[in-house]
Amino acid sequence: YQERHPKRVNASEYAEETICNQHIEKIKRLLLIR
């Protein structure tokens, strides 16, 4: 439950926050391509 993602932006960021931000960037990329 307390997992930290290795690609987190800051030390206090939990894994779900990091993964969420990664998916936001993926979605932005898809929409920009369109």
Full PDB file with SEQRES, HELIX, SHEET, SSBOND, CRYST1, ORIGX, SCALE, CONECT and MASTER records, all heavy atoms in Angstrom:
SEQRES   1 A   34  TYR GLN GLU ARG HIS PRO LYS ARG VAL ASN ALA SER GLU          
SEQRES   2 A   34  TYR ALA GLU GLU THR ILE CYS ASN GLN HIS ILE GLU LYS          
SEQRES   3 A   34  ILE LYS ARG LEU LEU LEU ILE ARG                              
HELIX    1 AA1 ALA A   15  ILE A   33  1                                  19    
CRYST1    1.000    1.000    1.000  90.00  90.00  90.00 P 1           1          
ORIGX1      1.000000  0.000000  0.000000        0.00000                         
ORIGX2      0.000000  1.000000  0.000000        0.00000                         
ORIGX3      0.000000  0.000000  1.000000        0.00000                         
SCALE1      1.000000  0.000000  0.000000        0.00000                         
SCALE2      0.000000  1.000000  0.000000        0.00000                         
SCALE3      0.000000  0.000000  1.000000        0.00000                         
ATOM      1  N   TYR A   1       0.820  -1.204   0.000  1.00  0.00           N  
ATOM      2  CA  TYR A   1       0.000   0.000   0.000  1.00  0.00           C  
ATOM      3  C   TYR A   1       0.858   1.260   0.000  1.00  0.00           C  
ATOM      4  O   TYR A   1       0.438   2.305  -0.488  1.00  0.00           O  
ATOM      5  CB  TYR A   1      -0.923  -0.010   1.222  1.00  0.00           C  
ATOM      6  CG  TYR A   1      -2.008   1.034   1.169  1.00  0.00           C  
ATOM      7  CD1 TYR A   1      -3.091   0.889   0.314  1.00  0.00           C  
ATOM      8  CD2 TYR A   1      -1.931   2.181   1.958  1.00  0.00           C  
ATOM      9  CE1 TYR A   1      -4.083   1.839   0.251  1.00  0.00           C  
ATOM     10  CE2 TYR A   1      -2.917   3.148   1.902  1.00  0.00           C  
ATOM     11  CZ  TYR A   1      -3.996   2.975   1.045  1.00  0.00           C  
ATOM     12  OH  TYR A   1      -4.972   3.919   0.981  1.00  0.00           O  
ATOM     13  N   GLN A   2       2.074   1.166   0.541  1.00  0.00           N  
ATOM     14  CA  GLN A   2       2.969   2.324   0.647  1.00  0.00           C  
ATOM     15  C   GLN A   2       4.033   2.343  -0.454  1.00  0.00           C  
ATOM     16  O   GLN A   2       5.031   3.034  -0.326  1.00  0.00           O  
ATOM     17  CB  GLN A   2       3.668   2.303   2.020  1.00  0.00           C  
ATOM     18  CG  GLN A   2       2.727   2.221   3.204  1.00  0.00           C  
ATOM     19  CD  GLN A   2       1.849   3.443   3.348  1.00  0.00           C  
ATOM     20  OE1 GLN A   2       2.262   4.541   2.961  1.00  0.00           O  
ATOM     21  NE2 GLN A   2       0.659   3.270   3.886  1.00  0.00           N  
ATOM     22  N   GLU A   3       3.817   1.605  -1.514  1.00  0.00           N  
ATOM     23  CA  GLU A   3       4.854   1.484  -2.552  1.00  0.00           C  
ATOM     24  C   GLU A   3       5.213   2.828  -3.182  1.00  0.00           C  
ATOM     25  O   GLU A   3       4.344   3.660  -3.458  1.00  0.00           O  
ATOM     26  CB  GLU A   3       4.396   0.521  -3.648  1.00  0.00           C  
ATOM     27  CG  GLU A   3       5.466   0.301  -4.724  1.00  0.00           C  
ATOM     28  CD  GLU A   3       5.017  -0.674  -5.802  1.00  0.00           C  
ATOM     29  OE1 GLU A   3       3.998  -1.347  -5.597  1.00  0.00           O  
ATOM     30  OE2 GLU A   3       5.694  -0.739  -6.838  1.00  0.00           O  
ATOM     31  N   ARG A   4       6.517   3.017  -3.433  1.00  0.00           N  
ATOM     32  CA  ARG A   4       7.021   4.201  -4.146  1.00  0.00           C  
ATOM     33  C   ARG A   4       7.536   3.741  -5.500  1.00  0.00           C  
ATOM     34  O   ARG A   4       8.285   2.774  -5.592  1.00  0.00           O  
ATOM     35  CB  ARG A   4       8.173   4.854  -3.375  1.00  0.00           C  
ATOM     36  CG  ARG A   4       7.887   5.107  -1.909  1.00  0.00           C  
ATOM     37  CD  ARG A   4       6.940   6.250  -1.686  1.00  0.00           C  
ATOM     38  NE  ARG A   4       6.808   6.543  -0.270  1.00  0.00           N  
ATOM     39  CZ  ARG A   4       6.101   7.552   0.220  1.00  0.00           C  
ATOM     40  NH1 ARG A   4       5.458   8.356  -0.600  1.00  0.00           N  
ATOM     41  NH2 ARG A   4       6.025   7.751   1.518  1.00  0.00           N  
ATOM     42  N   HIS A   5       7.148   4.448  -6.518  1.00  0.00           N  
ATOM     43  CA  HIS A   5       7.554   4.082  -7.878  1.00  0.00           C  
ATOM     44  C   HIS A   5       8.974   4.599  -8.134  1.00  0.00           C  
ATOM     45  O   HIS A   5       9.309   5.722  -7.745  1.00  0.00           O  
ATOM     46  CB  HIS A   5       6.582   4.680  -8.896  1.00  0.00           C  
ATOM     47  CG  HIS A   5       6.654   4.065 -10.250  1.00  0.00           C  
ATOM     48  ND1 HIS A   5       7.658   4.350 -11.137  1.00  0.00           N  
ATOM     49  CD2 HIS A   5       5.836   3.175 -10.866  1.00  0.00           C  
ATOM     50  CE1 HIS A   5       7.463   3.670 -12.242  1.00  0.00           C  
ATOM     51  NE2 HIS A   5       6.360   2.945 -12.110  1.00  0.00           N  
ATOM     52  N   PRO A   6       9.834   3.823  -8.802  1.00  0.00           N  
ATOM     53  CA  PRO A   6      11.207   4.289  -9.045  1.00  0.00           C  
ATOM     54  C   PRO A   6      11.288   5.545  -9.908  1.00  0.00           C  
ATOM     55  O   PRO A   6      12.293   6.263  -9.855  1.00  0.00           O  
ATOM     56  CB  PRO A   6      11.865   3.090  -9.750  1.00  0.00           C  
ATOM     57  CG  PRO A   6      10.742   2.257 -10.262  1.00  0.00           C  
ATOM     58  CD  PRO A   6       9.614   2.443  -9.282  1.00  0.00           C  
ATOM     59  N   LYS A   7      10.238   5.842 -10.667  1.00  0.00           N  
ATOM     60  CA  LYS A   7      10.244   7.026 -11.530  1.00  0.00           C  
ATOM     61  C   LYS A   7       9.423   8.167 -10.932  1.00  0.00           C  
ATOM     62  O   LYS A   7       8.971   9.054 -11.649  1.00  0.00           O  
ATOM     63  CB  LYS A   7       9.720   6.665 -12.923  1.00  0.00           C  
ATOM     64  CG  LYS A   7      10.623   5.710 -13.679  1.00  0.00           C  
ATOM     65  CD  LYS A   7      10.122   5.484 -15.100  1.00  0.00           C  
ATOM     66  CE  LYS A   7      11.070   4.561 -15.866  1.00  0.00           C  
ATOM     67  NZ  LYS A   7      10.609   4.330 -17.252  1.00  0.00           N  
ATOM     68  N   ARG A   8       9.234   8.154  -9.612  1.00  0.00           N  
ATOM     69  CA  ARG A   8       8.439   9.202  -8.970  1.00  0.00           C  
ATOM     70  C   ARG A   8       9.116  10.559  -9.121  1.00  0.00           C  
ATOM     71  O   ARG A   8      10.346  10.647  -9.220  1.00  0.00           O  
ATOM     72  CB  ARG A   8       8.221   8.880  -7.497  1.00  0.00           C  
ATOM     73  CG  ARG A   8       9.473   8.789  -6.658  1.00  0.00           C  
ATOM     74  CD  ARG A   8       9.127   8.344  -5.234  1.00  0.00           C  
ATOM     75  NE  ARG A   8      10.304   8.260  -4.374  1.00  0.00           N  
ATOM     76  CZ  ARG A   8      11.092   7.213  -4.289  1.00  0.00           C  
ATOM     77  NH1 ARG A   8      10.846   6.138  -5.036  1.00  0.00           N  
ATOM     78  NH2 ARG A   8      12.135   7.224  -3.479  1.00  0.00           N  
ATOM     79  N   VAL A   9       8.319  11.611  -9.130  1.00  0.00           N  
ATOM     80  CA  VAL A   9       8.838  12.968  -9.293  1.00  0.00           C  
ATOM     81  C   VAL A   9       9.419  13.490  -7.993  1.00  0.00           C  
ATOM     82  O   VAL A   9      10.446  14.161  -7.971  1.00  0.00           O  
ATOM     83  CB  VAL A   9       7.719  13.906  -9.799  1.00  0.00           C  
ATOM     84  CG1 VAL A   9       8.220  15.348  -9.872  1.00  0.00           C  
ATOM     85  CG2 VAL A   9       7.229  13.446 -11.167  1.00  0.00           C  
ATOM     86  N   ASN A  10       8.765  13.207  -6.872  1.00  0.00           N  
ATOM     87  CA  ASN A  10       9.289  13.642  -5.580  1.00  0.00           C  
ATOM     88  C   ASN A  10       9.222  12.490  -4.575  1.00  0.00           C  
ATOM     89  O   ASN A  10       8.505  11.506  -4.769  1.00  0.00           O  
ATOM     90  CB  ASN A  10       8.528  14.868  -5.066  1.00  0.00           C  
ATOM     91  CG  ASN A  10       7.038  14.607  -4.951  1.00  0.00           C  
ATOM     92  OD1 ASN A  10       6.603  13.827  -4.108  1.00  0.00           O  
ATOM     93  ND2 ASN A  10       6.245  15.262  -5.790  1.00  0.00           N  
ATOM     94  N   ALA A  11       9.955  12.636  -3.472  1.00  0.00           N  
ATOM     95  CA  ALA A  11      10.117  11.535  -2.525  1.00  0.00           C  
ATOM     96  C   ALA A  11       8.825  11.130  -1.841  1.00  0.00           C  
ATOM     97  O   ALA A  11       8.650   9.973  -1.452  1.00  0.00           O  
ATOM     98  CB  ALA A  11      11.161  11.925  -1.469  1.00  0.00           C  
ATOM     99  N   SER A  12       7.881  12.054  -1.680  1.00  0.00           N  
ATOM    100  CA  SER A  12       6.649  11.767  -0.949  1.00  0.00           C  
ATOM    101  C   SER A  12       5.554  11.180  -1.843  1.00  0.00           C  
ATOM    102  O   SER A  12       4.459  10.909  -1.371  1.00  0.00           O  
ATOM    103  CB  SER A  12       6.123  13.052  -0.300  1.00  0.00           C  
ATOM    104  OG  SER A  12       5.815  14.019  -1.295  1.00  0.00           O  
ATOM    105  N   GLU A  13       5.848  10.968  -3.105  1.00  0.00           N  
ATOM    106  CA  GLU A  13       4.835  10.524  -4.069  1.00  0.00           C  
ATOM    107  C   GLU A  13       4.646   9.010  -3.979  1.00  0.00           C  
ATOM    108  O   GLU A  13       5.596   8.243  -4.067  1.00  0.00           O  
ATOM    109  CB  GLU A  13       5.287  10.924  -5.476  1.00  0.00           C  
ATOM    110  CG  GLU A  13       4.274  10.718  -6.564  1.00  0.00           C  
ATOM    111  CD  GLU A  13       4.763  11.308  -7.879  1.00  0.00           C  
ATOM    112  OE1 GLU A  13       4.685  12.537  -8.041  1.00  0.00           O  
ATOM    113  OE2 GLU A  13       5.249  10.542  -8.726  1.00  0.00           O  
ATOM    114  N   TYR A  14       3.394   8.583  -3.843  1.00  0.00           N  
ATOM    115  CA  TYR A  14       3.086   7.155  -3.821  1.00  0.00           C  
ATOM    116  C   TYR A  14       2.961   6.629  -5.248  1.00  0.00           C  
ATOM    117  O   TYR A  14       2.817   7.390  -6.207  1.00  0.00           O  
ATOM    118  CB  TYR A  14       1.789   6.890  -3.052  1.00  0.00           C  
ATOM    119  CG  TYR A  14       1.950   7.063  -1.563  1.00  0.00           C  
ATOM    120  CD1 TYR A  14       1.354   8.132  -0.898  1.00  0.00           C  
ATOM    121  CD2 TYR A  14       2.698   6.163  -0.820  1.00  0.00           C  
ATOM    122  CE1 TYR A  14       1.501   8.299   0.465  1.00  0.00           C  
ATOM    123  CE2 TYR A  14       2.852   6.316   0.551  1.00  0.00           C  
ATOM    124  CZ  TYR A  14       2.253   7.384   1.191  1.00  0.00           C  
ATOM    125  OH  TYR A  14       2.413   7.546   2.540  1.00  0.00           O  
ATOM    126  N   ALA A  15       3.003   5.306  -5.375  1.00  0.00           N  
ATOM    127  CA  ALA A  15       3.035   4.678  -6.693  1.00  0.00           C  
ATOM    128  C   ALA A  15       1.838   5.074  -7.555  1.00  0.00           C  
ATOM    129  O   ALA A  15       1.972   5.300  -8.755  1.00  0.00           O  
ATOM    130  CB  ALA A  15       3.095   3.157  -6.548  1.00  0.00           C  
ATOM    131  N   GLU A  16       0.642   5.154  -6.928  1.00  0.00           N  
ATOM    132  CA  GLU A  16      -0.548   5.465  -7.740  1.00  0.00           C  
ATOM    133  C   GLU A  16      -0.479   6.859  -8.349  1.00  0.00           C  
ATOM    134  O   GLU A  16      -0.966   7.101  -9.454  1.00  0.00           O  
ATOM    135  CB  GLU A  16      -1.829   5.313  -6.918  1.00  0.00           C  
ATOM    136  CG  GLU A  16      -1.998   6.291  -5.774  1.00  0.00           C  
ATOM    137  CD  GLU A  16      -1.436   5.754  -4.478  1.00  0.00           C  
ATOM    138  OE1 GLU A  16      -0.622   4.807  -4.513  1.00  0.00           O  
ATOM    139  OE2 GLU A  16      -1.813   6.290  -3.427  1.00  0.00           O  
ATOM    140  N   GLU A  17       0.161   7.795  -7.642  1.00  0.00           N  
ATOM    141  CA  GLU A  17       0.313   9.147  -8.178  1.00  0.00           C  
ATOM    142  C   GLU A  17       1.251   9.145  -9.383  1.00  0.00           C  
ATOM    143  O   GLU A  17       0.993   9.780 -10.401  1.00  0.00           O  
ATOM    144  CB  GLU A  17       0.847  10.089  -7.105  1.00  0.00           C  
ATOM    145  CG  GLU A  17      -0.050  10.262  -5.907  1.00  0.00           C  
ATOM    146  CD  GLU A  17       0.599  11.112  -4.837  1.00  0.00           C  
ATOM    147  OE1 GLU A  17       0.476  12.357  -4.903  1.00  0.00           O  
ATOM    148  OE2 GLU A  17       1.254  10.547  -3.945  1.00  0.00           O  
ATOM    149  N   THR A  18       2.361   8.432  -9.243  1.00  0.00           N  
ATOM    150  CA  THR A  18       3.332   8.344 -10.344  1.00  0.00           C  
ATOM    151  C   THR A  18       2.701   7.699 -11.566  1.00  0.00           C  
ATOM    152  O   THR A  18       2.837   8.198 -12.686  1.00  0.00           O  
ATOM    153  CB  THR A  18       4.555   7.528  -9.901  1.00  0.00           C  
ATOM    154  OG1 THR A  18       5.088   8.086  -8.710  1.00  0.00           O  
ATOM    155  CG2 THR A  18       5.622   7.532 -10.985  1.00  0.00           C  
ATOM    156  N   ILE A  19       2.019   6.574 -11.350  1.00  0.00           N  
ATOM    157  CA  ILE A  19       1.393   5.854 -12.468  1.00  0.00           C  
ATOM    158  C   ILE A  19       0.316   6.706 -13.120  1.00  0.00           C  
ATOM    159  O   ILE A  19       0.171   6.733 -14.354  1.00  0.00           O  
ATOM    160  CB  ILE A  19       0.823   4.510 -11.976  1.00  0.00           C  
ATOM    161  CG1 ILE A  19       1.975   3.596 -11.549  1.00  0.00           C  
ATOM    162  CG2 ILE A  19      -0.023   3.838 -13.051  1.00  0.00           C  
ATOM    163  CD1 ILE A  19       1.553   2.315 -10.866  1.00  0.00           C  
ATOM    164  N   CYS A  20      -0.446   7.412 -12.297  1.00  0.00           N  
ATOM    165  CA  CYS A  20      -1.482   8.303 -12.833  1.00  0.00           C  
ATOM    166  C   CYS A  20      -0.873   9.359 -13.747  1.00  0.00           C  
ATOM    167  O   CYS A  20      -1.341   9.590 -14.865  1.00  0.00           O  
ATOM    168  CB  CYS A  20      -2.216   8.966 -11.676  1.00  0.00           C  
ATOM    169  SG  CYS A  20      -3.519  10.102 -12.178  1.00  0.00           S  
ATOM    170  N   ASN A  21       0.197  10.003 -13.296  1.00  0.00           N  
ATOM    171  CA  ASN A  21       0.859  11.035 -14.103  1.00  0.00           C  
ATOM    172  C   ASN A  21       1.447  10.461 -15.389  1.00  0.00           C  
ATOM    173  O   ASN A  21       1.425  11.116 -16.441  1.00  0.00           O  
ATOM    174  CB  ASN A  21       1.950  11.724 -13.291  1.00  0.00           C  
ATOM    175  CG  ASN A  21       1.387  12.587 -12.177  1.00  0.00           C  
ATOM    176  OD1 ASN A  21       0.291  13.124 -12.309  1.00  0.00           O  
ATOM    177  ND2 ASN A  21       2.127  12.723 -11.087  1.00  0.00           N  
ATOM    178  N   GLN A  22       1.964   9.240 -15.318  1.00  0.00           N  
ATOM    179  CA  GLN A  22       2.501   8.602 -16.517  1.00  0.00           C  
ATOM    180  C   GLN A  22       1.407   8.371 -17.547  1.00  0.00           C  
ATOM    181  O   GLN A  22       1.612   8.577 -18.746  1.00  0.00           O  
ATOM    182  CB  GLN A  22       3.168   7.275 -16.148  1.00  0.00           C  
ATOM    183  CG  GLN A  22       4.477   7.422 -15.407  1.00  0.00           C  
ATOM    184  CD  GLN A  22       5.065   6.093 -14.978  1.00  0.00           C  
ATOM    185  OE1 GLN A  22       4.355   5.087 -14.879  1.00  0.00           O  
ATOM    186  NE2 GLN A  22       6.363   6.062 -14.738  1.00  0.00           N  
ATOM    187  N   HIS A  23       0.229   7.952 -17.088  1.00  0.00           N  
ATOM    188  CA  HIS A  23      -0.877   7.719 -18.011  1.00  0.00           C  
ATOM    189  C   HIS A  23      -1.435   9.034 -18.573  1.00  0.00           C  
ATOM    190  O   HIS A  23      -1.877   9.085 -19.712  1.00  0.00           O  
ATOM    191  CB  HIS A  23      -1.985   6.922 -17.327  1.00  0.00           C  
ATOM    192  CG  HIS A  23      -1.713   5.453 -17.290  1.00  0.00           C  
ATOM    193  ND1 HIS A  23      -0.983   4.852 -16.292  1.00  0.00           N  
ATOM    194  CD2 HIS A  23      -2.044   4.465 -18.160  1.00  0.00           C  
ATOM    195  CE1 HIS A  23      -0.883   3.560 -16.531  1.00  0.00           C  
ATOM    196  NE2 HIS A  23      -1.517   3.299 -17.654  1.00  0.00           N  
ATOM    197  N   ILE A  24      -1.403  10.077 -17.777  1.00  0.00           N  
ATOM    198  CA  ILE A  24      -1.821  11.382 -18.283  1.00  0.00           C  
ATOM    199  C   ILE A  24      -0.942  11.799 -19.459  1.00  0.00           C  
ATOM    200  O   ILE A  24      -1.423  12.274 -20.488  1.00  0.00           O  
ATOM    201  CB  ILE A  24      -1.772  12.444 -17.160  1.00  0.00           C  
ATOM    202  CG1 ILE A  24      -2.943  12.241 -16.198  1.00  0.00           C  
ATOM    203  CG2 ILE A  24      -1.815  13.858 -17.741  1.00  0.00           C  
ATOM    204  CD1 ILE A  24      -2.930  13.170 -15.008  1.00  0.00           C  
ATOM    205  N   GLU A  25       0.371  11.602 -19.323  1.00  0.00           N  
ATOM    206  CA  GLU A  25       1.288  11.949 -20.396  1.00  0.00           C  
ATOM    207  C   GLU A  25       1.056  11.074 -21.632  1.00  0.00           C  
ATOM    208  O   GLU A  25       1.140  11.553 -22.771  1.00  0.00           O  
ATOM    209  CB  GLU A  25       2.741  11.819 -19.923  1.00  0.00           C  
ATOM    210  CG  GLU A  25       3.156  12.895 -18.935  1.00  0.00           C  
ATOM    211  CD  GLU A  25       2.908  14.294 -19.466  1.00  0.00           C  
ATOM    212  OE1 GLU A  25       3.325  14.587 -20.606  1.00  0.00           O  
ATOM    213  OE2 GLU A  25       2.286  15.096 -18.751  1.00  0.00           O  
ATOM    214  N   LYS A  26       0.752   9.790 -21.417  1.00  0.00           N  
ATOM    215  CA  LYS A  26       0.452   8.910 -22.545  1.00  0.00           C  
ATOM    216  C   LYS A  26      -0.799   9.371 -23.280  1.00  0.00           C  
ATOM    217  O   LYS A  26      -0.851   9.382 -24.516  1.00  0.00           O  
ATOM    218  CB  LYS A  26       0.275   7.475 -22.057  1.00  0.00           C  
ATOM    219  CG  LYS A  26       1.555   6.806 -21.580  1.00  0.00           C  
ATOM    220  CD  LYS A  26       1.270   5.397 -21.084  1.00  0.00           C  
ATOM    221  CE  LYS A  26       2.546   4.729 -20.570  1.00  0.00           C  
ATOM    222  NZ  LYS A  26       2.259   3.365 -20.047  1.00  0.00           N  
ATOM    223  N   ILE A  27      -1.824   9.752 -22.523  1.00  0.00           N  
ATOM    224  CA  ILE A  27      -3.080  10.204 -23.133  1.00  0.00           C  
ATOM    225  C   ILE A  27      -2.859  11.513 -23.899  1.00  0.00           C  
ATOM    226  O   ILE A  27      -3.354  11.702 -25.005  1.00  0.00           O  
ATOM    227  CB  ILE A  27      -4.160  10.373 -22.055  1.00  0.00           C  
ATOM    228  CG1 ILE A  27      -4.529   9.001 -21.474  1.00  0.00           C  
ATOM    229  CG2 ILE A  27      -5.405  11.045 -22.627  1.00  0.00           C  
ATOM    230  CD1 ILE A  27      -5.354   9.070 -20.212  1.00  0.00           C  
ATOM    231  N   LYS A  28      -2.093  12.423 -23.305  1.00  0.00           N  
ATOM    232  CA  LYS A  28      -1.773  13.677 -23.999  1.00  0.00           C  
ATOM    233  C   LYS A  28      -1.083  13.401 -25.323  1.00  0.00           C  
ATOM    234  O   LYS A  28      -1.385  14.022 -26.349  1.00  0.00           O  
ATOM    235  CB  LYS A  28      -0.880  14.560 -23.126  1.00  0.00           C  
ATOM    236  CG  LYS A  28      -1.591  15.279 -22.001  1.00  0.00           C  
ATOM    237  CD  LYS A  28      -0.611  16.157 -21.244  1.00  0.00           C  
ATOM    238  CE  LYS A  28      -1.301  16.909 -20.116  1.00  0.00           C  
ATOM    239  NZ  LYS A  28      -0.349  17.755 -19.358  1.00  0.00           N  
ATOM    240  N   ARG A  29      -0.156  12.465 -25.291  1.00  0.00           N  
ATOM    241  CA  ARG A  29       0.595  12.131 -26.509  1.00  0.00           C  
ATOM    242  C   ARG A  29      -0.342  11.606 -27.594  1.00  0.00           C  
ATOM    243  O   ARG A  29      -0.242  12.006 -28.761  1.00  0.00           O  
ATOM    244  CB  ARG A  29       1.668  11.091 -26.196  1.00  0.00           C  
ATOM    245  CG  ARG A  29       2.587  10.762 -27.364  1.00  0.00           C  
ATOM    246  CD  ARG A  29       3.663   9.768 -26.952  1.00  0.00           C  
ATOM    247  NE  ARG A  29       4.650   9.593 -28.005  1.00  0.00           N  
ATOM    248  CZ  ARG A  29       4.508   8.764 -29.029  1.00  0.00           C  
ATOM    249  NH1 ARG A  29       3.418   8.023 -29.136  1.00  0.00           N  
ATOM    250  NH2 ARG A  29       5.445   8.675 -29.958  1.00  0.00           N  
ATOM    251  N   LEU A  30      -1.261  10.728 -27.217  1.00  0.00           N  
ATOM    252  CA  LEU A  30      -2.217  10.188 -28.192  1.00  0.00           C  
ATOM    253  C   LEU A  30      -3.087  11.295 -28.780  1.00  0.00           C  
ATOM    254  O   LEU A  30      -3.335  11.337 -29.996  1.00  0.00           O  
ATOM    255  CB  LEU A  30      -3.103   9.129 -27.527  1.00  0.00           C  
ATOM    256  CG  LEU A  30      -2.419   7.824 -27.116  1.00  0.00           C  
ATOM    257  CD1 LEU A  30      -3.393   6.948 -26.348  1.00  0.00           C  
ATOM    258  CD2 LEU A  30      -1.886   7.084 -28.333  1.00  0.00           C  
ATOM    259  N   LEU A  31      -3.549  12.206 -27.930  1.00  0.00           N  
ATOM    260  CA  LEU A  31      -4.410  13.287 -28.407  1.00  0.00           C  
ATOM    261  C   LEU A  31      -3.629  14.263 -29.285  1.00  0.00           C  
ATOM    262  O   LEU A  31      -4.167  14.792 -30.269  1.00  0.00           O  
ATOM    263  CB  LEU A  31      -5.039  14.013 -27.216  1.00  0.00           C  
ATOM    264  CG  LEU A  31      -6.008  13.171 -26.378  1.00  0.00           C  
ATOM    265  CD1 LEU A  31      -6.501  13.961 -25.174  1.00  0.00           C  
ATOM    266  CD2 LEU A  31      -7.192  12.705 -27.218  1.00  0.00           C  
ATOM    267  N   LEU A  32      -2.367  14.509 -28.949  1.00  0.00           N  
ATOM    268  CA  LEU A  32      -1.539  15.380 -29.778  1.00  0.00           C  
ATOM    269  C   LEU A  32      -1.298  14.761 -31.147  1.00  0.00           C  
ATOM    270  O   LEU A  32      -1.331  15.451 -32.169  1.00  0.00           O  
ATOM    271  CB  LEU A  32      -0.206  15.660 -29.081  1.00  0.00           C  
ATOM    272  CG  LEU A  32      -0.265  16.603 -27.878  1.00  0.00           C  
ATOM    273  CD1 LEU A  32       1.049  16.578 -27.125  1.00  0.00           C  
ATOM    274  CD2 LEU A  32      -0.607  18.028 -28.315  1.00  0.00           C  
ATOM    275  N   ILE A  33      -1.055  13.456 -31.178  1.00  0.00           N  
ATOM    276  CA  ILE A  33      -0.873  12.771 -32.461  1.00  0.00           C  
ATOM    277  C   ILE A  33      -2.131  12.920 -33.319  1.00  0.00           C  
ATOM    278  O   ILE A  33      -2.045  13.179 -34.525  1.00  0.00           O  
ATOM    279  CB  ILE A  33      -0.553  11.281 -32.227  1.00  0.00           C  
ATOM    280  CG1 ILE A  33       0.887  11.132 -31.707  1.00  0.00           C  
ATOM    281  CG2 ILE A  33      -0.729  10.459 -33.510  1.00  0.00           C  
ATOM    282  CD1 ILE A  33       1.251   9.734 -31.271  1.00  0.00           C  
ATOM    283  N   ARG A  34      -3.290  12.769 -32.691  1.00  0.00           N  
ATOM    284  CA  ARG A  34      -4.531  12.920 -33.455  1.00  0.00           C  
ATOM    285  C   ARG A  34      -4.668  14.340 -33.996  1.00  0.00           C  
ATOM    286  O   ARG A  34      -5.111  14.543 -35.127  1.00  0.00           O  
ATOM    287  CB  ARG A  34      -5.747  12.574 -32.578  1.00  0.00           C  
ATOM    288  CG  ARG A  34      -7.060  12.677 -33.340  1.00  0.00           C  
ATOM    289  CD  ARG A  34      -8.212  12.046 -32.600  1.00  0.00           C  
ATOM    290  NE  ARG A  34      -8.527  12.734 -31.357  1.00  0.00           N  
ATOM    291  CZ  ARG A  34      -9.566  12.406 -30.583  1.00  0.00           C  
ATOM    292  NH1 ARG A  34     -10.338  11.385 -30.899  1.00  0.00           N  
ATOM    293  NH2 ARG A  34      -9.793  13.069 -29.477  1.00  0.00           N  
TER     294      ARG A  34                                                      
MASTER        0    0    0    1    0    0    0    6  293    1    0    3          
END                                                                             
